[in-house]
Amino acid sequence: MDSSYPVIDLAATIAYQQDAIVSKTLINKQTGNVTLFAFDAGQDLSEHTSPYDAMVYLLEGVMQITISGQPRRLNGGDMLIMPANEPHALVALEKCKMLLVMIKS
């Protein structure tokens, strides 16, 4: 079998770290990037904006994402689009792993 196109268990490729957010860039191109995150419970990203749309796919755990003041609760397996130029913030309600896909064009 050709190993040049491996099947990857995303959740297994990143580990939780106590009181921290761990990130691992999987793809970094001029047109976009794909980043894997592991959040310990209670960790957050304060409100910020991005000039690009971003797709969040929660692999496991529970996270609250607030977009333009509107909170959304995501459970493992849920996906959400964060629109460009809208303020958003994230908080891990329990340990969680998240895939972030940002398209720059």
C-alpha atoms as a PDB file:
ATOM      1  CA  MET A   1       0.000   0.000   0.000  1.00  0.00           C
ATOM      2  CA  ASP A   2       1.274   3.468  -0.901  1.00  0.00           C
ATOM      3  CA  SER A   3       2.092   5.411   2.287  1.00  0.00           C
ATOM      4  CA  SER A   4       2.386   8.791   0.544  1.00  0.00           C
ATOM      5  CA  TYR A   5      -1.286   9.509   1.330  1.00  0.00           C
ATOM      6  CA  PRO A   6      -1.710   8.336   4.936  1.00  0.00           C
ATOM      7  CA  VAL A   7      -5.033   8.252   6.747  1.00  0.00           C
ATOM      8  CA  ILE A   8      -4.653  10.333   9.911  1.00  0.00           C
ATOM      9  CA  ASP A   9      -6.516  10.133  13.212  1.00  0.00           C
ATOM     10  CA  LEU A  10      -6.606  13.893  13.874  1.00  0.00           C
ATOM     11  CA  ALA A  11      -7.486  13.718  17.554  1.00  0.00           C
ATOM     12  CA  ALA A  12      -4.564  11.361  18.191  1.00  0.00           C
ATOM     13  CA  THR A  13      -2.022  13.703  16.577  1.00  0.00           C
ATOM     14  CA  ILE A  14      -2.275  16.380  19.262  1.00  0.00           C
ATOM     15  CA  ALA A  15      -2.136  16.067  23.061  1.00  0.00           C
ATOM     16  CA  TYR A  16      -3.693  18.140  25.793  1.00  0.00           C
ATOM     17  CA  GLN A  17      -1.398  20.200  27.991  1.00  0.00           C
ATOM     18  CA  GLN A  18      -2.509  21.321  31.439  1.00  0.00           C
ATOM     19  CA  ASP A  19      -3.647  24.960  31.575  1.00  0.00           C
ATOM     20  CA  ALA A  20      -2.704  25.543  27.935  1.00  0.00           C
ATOM     21  CA  ILE A  21      -3.770  25.696  24.314  1.00  0.00           C
ATOM     22  CA  VAL A  22      -1.665  23.566  21.979  1.00  0.00           C
ATOM     23  CA  SER A  23      -1.692  24.161  18.230  1.00  0.00           C
ATOM     24  CA  LYS A  24      -0.281  22.226  15.313  1.00  0.00           C
ATOM     25  CA  THR A  25      -0.277  23.606  11.757  1.00  0.00           C
ATOM     26  CA  LEU A  26      -1.167  20.901   9.245  1.00  0.00           C
ATOM     27  CA  ILE A  27      -1.288  23.033   6.086  1.00  0.00           C
ATOM     28  CA  ASN A  28       0.065  26.556   5.627  1.00  0.00           C
ATOM     29  CA  LYS A  29      -0.407  27.969   2.135  1.00  0.00           C
ATOM     30  CA  GLN A  30      -0.830  31.442   0.700  1.00  0.00           C
ATOM     31  CA  THR A  31      -4.501  30.634   0.002  1.00  0.00           C
ATOM     32  CA  GLY A  32      -5.296  29.281   3.465  1.00  0.00           C
ATOM     33  CA  ASN A  33      -4.305  27.114   6.379  1.00  0.00           C
ATOM     34  CA  VAL A  34      -5.463  24.195   8.474  1.00  0.00           C
ATOM     35  CA  THR A  35      -4.608  24.140  12.174  1.00  0.00           C
ATOM     36  CA  LEU A  36      -5.356  21.587  14.869  1.00  0.00           C
ATOM     37  CA  PHE A  37      -5.878  22.786  18.455  1.00  0.00           C
ATOM     38  CA  ALA A  38      -6.127  21.110  21.858  1.00  0.00           C
ATOM     39  CA  PHE A  39      -7.655  23.281  24.620  1.00  0.00           C
ATOM     40  CA  ASP A  40      -7.504  22.379  28.278  1.00  0.00           C
ATOM     41  CA  ALA A  41     -10.764  23.034  30.116  1.00  0.00           C
ATOM     42  CA  GLY A  42     -11.289  26.737  30.761  1.00  0.00           C
ATOM     43  CA  GLN A  43      -8.779  27.935  28.169  1.00  0.00           C
ATOM     44  CA  ASP A  44      -9.991  30.651  25.837  1.00  0.00           C
ATOM     45  CA  LEU A  45      -9.170  32.916  22.932  1.00  0.00           C
ATOM     46  CA  SER A  46     -10.310  36.460  23.630  1.00  0.00           C
ATOM     47  CA  GLU A  47     -12.484  38.353  21.192  1.00  0.00           C
ATOM     48  CA  HIS A  48     -10.763  39.129  17.895  1.00  0.00           C
ATOM     49  CA  THR A  49     -11.540  39.383  14.188  1.00  0.00           C
ATOM     50  CA  SER A  50     -10.110  37.788  11.067  1.00  0.00           C
ATOM     51  CA  PRO A  51     -10.285  39.103   7.509  1.00  0.00           C
ATOM     52  CA  TYR A  52     -11.158  35.582   6.305  1.00  0.00           C
ATOM     53  CA  ASP A  53     -13.975  33.103   6.770  1.00  0.00           C
ATOM     54  CA  ALA A  54     -13.009  30.220   9.045  1.00  0.00           C
ATOM     55  CA  MET A  55     -14.540  26.801   9.548  1.00  0.00           C
ATOM     56  CA  VAL A  56     -14.348  25.260  13.017  1.00  0.00           C
ATOM     57  CA  TYR A  57     -14.832  21.515  13.387  1.00  0.00           C
ATOM     58  CA  LEU A  58     -14.907  20.336  17.004  1.00  0.00           C
ATOM     59  CA  LEU A  59     -13.402  16.848  17.139  1.00  0.00           C
ATOM     60  CA  GLU A  60     -14.151  16.205  20.811  1.00  0.00           C
ATOM     61  CA  GLY A  61     -15.246  18.021  23.941  1.00  0.00           C
ATOM     62  CA  VAL A  62     -17.476  21.056  24.420  1.00  0.00           C
ATOM     63  CA  MET A  63     -16.711  24.642  23.372  1.00  0.00           C
ATOM     64  CA  GLN A  64     -18.586  27.919  23.354  1.00  0.00           C
ATOM     65  CA  ILE A  65     -17.949  30.196  20.393  1.00  0.00           C
ATOM     66  CA  THR A  66     -19.382  33.693  20.530  1.00  0.00           C
ATOM     67  CA  ILE A  67     -19.758  35.515  17.207  1.00  0.00           C
ATOM     68  CA  SER A  68     -20.853  39.168  17.275  1.00  0.00           C
ATOM     69  CA  GLY A  69     -22.175  38.701  20.813  1.00  0.00           C
ATOM     70  CA  GLN A  70     -24.169  35.555  19.997  1.00  0.00           C
ATOM     71  CA  PRO A  71     -22.937  32.457  21.890  1.00  0.00           C
ATOM     72  CA  ARG A  72     -23.051  29.027  20.251  1.00  0.00           C
ATOM     73  CA  ARG A  73     -22.358  25.755  22.056  1.00  0.00           C
ATOM     74  CA  LEU A  74     -20.496  23.113  20.056  1.00  0.00           C
ATOM     75  CA  ASN A  75     -20.160  19.459  21.006  1.00  0.00           C
ATOM     76  CA  GLY A  76     -17.727  16.975  19.512  1.00  0.00           C
ATOM     77  CA  GLY A  77     -18.712  16.399  15.881  1.00  0.00           C
ATOM     78  CA  ASP A  78     -20.224  19.877  15.401  1.00  0.00           C
ATOM     79  CA  MET A  79     -19.070  22.376  12.781  1.00  0.00           C
ATOM     80  CA  LEU A  80     -19.498  26.147  12.587  1.00  0.00           C
ATOM     81  CA  ILE A  81     -18.518  28.827  10.073  1.00  0.00           C
ATOM     82  CA  MET A  82     -17.105  32.031  11.551  1.00  0.00           C
ATOM     83  CA  PRO A  83     -17.637  34.827   8.997  1.00  0.00           C
ATOM     84  CA  ALA A  84     -14.853  37.228   8.059  1.00  0.00           C
ATOM     85  CA  ASN A  85     -14.641  40.520   9.954  1.00  0.00           C
ATOM     86  CA  GLU A  86     -17.087  39.443  12.678  1.00  0.00           C
ATOM     87  CA  PRO A  87     -15.730  39.594  16.248  1.00  0.00           C
ATOM     88  CA  HIS A  88     -15.508  36.137  17.801  1.00  0.00           C
ATOM     89  CA  ALA A  89     -14.203  34.488  20.970  1.00  0.00           C
ATOM     90  CA  LEU A  90     -13.793  30.864  22.064  1.00  0.00           C
ATOM     91  CA  VAL A  91     -13.823  29.146  25.447  1.00  0.00           C
ATOM     92  CA  ALA A  92     -13.320  25.444  26.170  1.00  0.00           C
ATOM     93  CA  LEU A  93     -16.121  24.385  28.510  1.00  0.00           C
ATOM     94  CA  GLU A  94     -14.233  21.097  28.918  1.00  0.00           C
ATOM     95  CA  LYS A  95     -11.120  19.687  27.284  1.00  0.00           C
ATOM     96  CA  CYS A  96     -11.608  19.838  23.542  1.00  0.00           C
ATOM     97  CA  LYS A  97      -9.849  19.401  20.230  1.00  0.00           C
ATOM     98  CA  MET A  98     -10.683  21.597  17.263  1.00  0.00           C
ATOM     99  CA  LEU A  99      -9.756  21.769  13.596  1.00  0.00           C
ATOM    100  CA  LEU A 100      -9.648  25.286  12.137  1.00  0.00           C
ATOM    101  CA  VAL A 101      -9.749  25.730   8.356  1.00  0.00           C
ATOM    102  CA  MET A 102      -9.167  29.258   7.077  1.00  0.00           C
ATOM    103  CA  ILE A 103      -9.572  30.102   3.395  1.00  0.00           C
ATOM    104  CA  LYS A 104      -7.853  33.300   2.323  1.00  0.00           C
ATOM    105  CA  SER A 105      -9.316  33.697  -1.157  1.00  0.00           C
END
